[in-house]
Amino acid sequence: AVWPSCDIWPTAPLENLRTMVETVQKYGAEKWARRRV
């Protein structure tokens, strides 16, 4: 998928966001913090 992040985030289902949050809590926010910046 070569979609811009701008198009993905607004249309992202709440379930996907929930999964991301759970993943961050499991593996630690340190790994994801670098990607977000």
C-alpha atoms as a PDB file:
ATOM      1  CA  ALA A   1       0.000   0.000   0.000  1.00  0.00           C
ATOM      2  CA  VAL A   2       1.480   3.288  -1.108  1.00  0.00           C
ATOM      3  CA  TRP A   3      -1.101   5.502   0.547  1.00  0.00           C
ATOM      4  CA  PRO A   4      -0.121   8.778   2.273  1.00  0.00           C
ATOM      5  CA  SER A   5      -0.446   8.621   6.049  1.00  0.00           C
ATOM      6  CA  CYS A   6      -2.854  11.565   5.827  1.00  0.00           C
ATOM      7  CA  ASP A   7      -5.426   9.392   4.051  1.00  0.00           C
ATOM      8  CA  ILE A   8      -4.992   6.387   6.337  1.00  0.00           C
ATOM      9  CA  TRP A   9      -5.347   8.030   9.767  1.00  0.00           C
ATOM     10  CA  PRO A  10      -8.717   9.798   9.306  1.00  0.00           C
ATOM     11  CA  THR A  11     -10.298   6.660   7.850  1.00  0.00           C
ATOM     12  CA  ALA A  12      -8.642   4.223  10.251  1.00  0.00           C
ATOM     13  CA  PRO A  13     -11.289   2.184  12.135  1.00  0.00           C
ATOM     14  CA  LEU A  14     -11.346   2.474  15.931  1.00  0.00           C
ATOM     15  CA  GLU A  15     -10.521  -1.231  16.136  1.00  0.00           C
ATOM     16  CA  ASN A  16      -7.203  -0.684  14.377  1.00  0.00           C
ATOM     17  CA  LEU A  17      -6.370   2.187  16.705  1.00  0.00           C
ATOM     18  CA  ARG A  18      -7.193  -0.047  19.676  1.00  0.00           C
ATOM     19  CA  THR A  19      -4.872  -2.748  18.363  1.00  0.00           C
ATOM     20  CA  MET A  20      -2.056  -0.210  17.996  1.00  0.00           C
ATOM     21  CA  VAL A  21      -2.525   1.021  21.560  1.00  0.00           C
ATOM     22  CA  GLU A  22      -2.492  -2.527  22.910  1.00  0.00           C
ATOM     23  CA  THR A  23       0.631  -3.339  20.891  1.00  0.00           C
ATOM     24  CA  VAL A  24       2.402  -0.251  22.212  1.00  0.00           C
ATOM     25  CA  GLN A  25       1.516  -1.197  25.779  1.00  0.00           C
ATOM     26  CA  LYS A  26       2.774  -4.762  25.262  1.00  0.00           C
ATOM     27  CA  TYR A  27       6.067  -4.076  23.487  1.00  0.00           C
ATOM     28  CA  GLY A  28       6.683  -0.678  25.053  1.00  0.00           C
ATOM     29  CA  ALA A  29       6.217   2.816  23.679  1.00  0.00           C
ATOM     30  CA  GLU A  30       9.970   3.278  23.243  1.00  0.00           C
ATOM     31  CA  LYS A  31       9.987   1.486  19.882  1.00  0.00           C
ATOM     32  CA  TRP A  32       6.973   3.394  18.530  1.00  0.00           C
ATOM     33  CA  ALA A  33       7.970   6.781  19.964  1.00  0.00           C
ATOM     34  CA  ARG A  34      10.896   6.994  17.545  1.00  0.00           C
ATOM     35  CA  ARG A  35       8.687   6.186  14.547  1.00  0.00           C
ATOM     36  CA  ARG A  36       6.075   8.794  15.459  1.00  0.00           C
ATOM     37  CA  VAL A  37       8.667  11.570  15.547  1.00  0.00           C
END
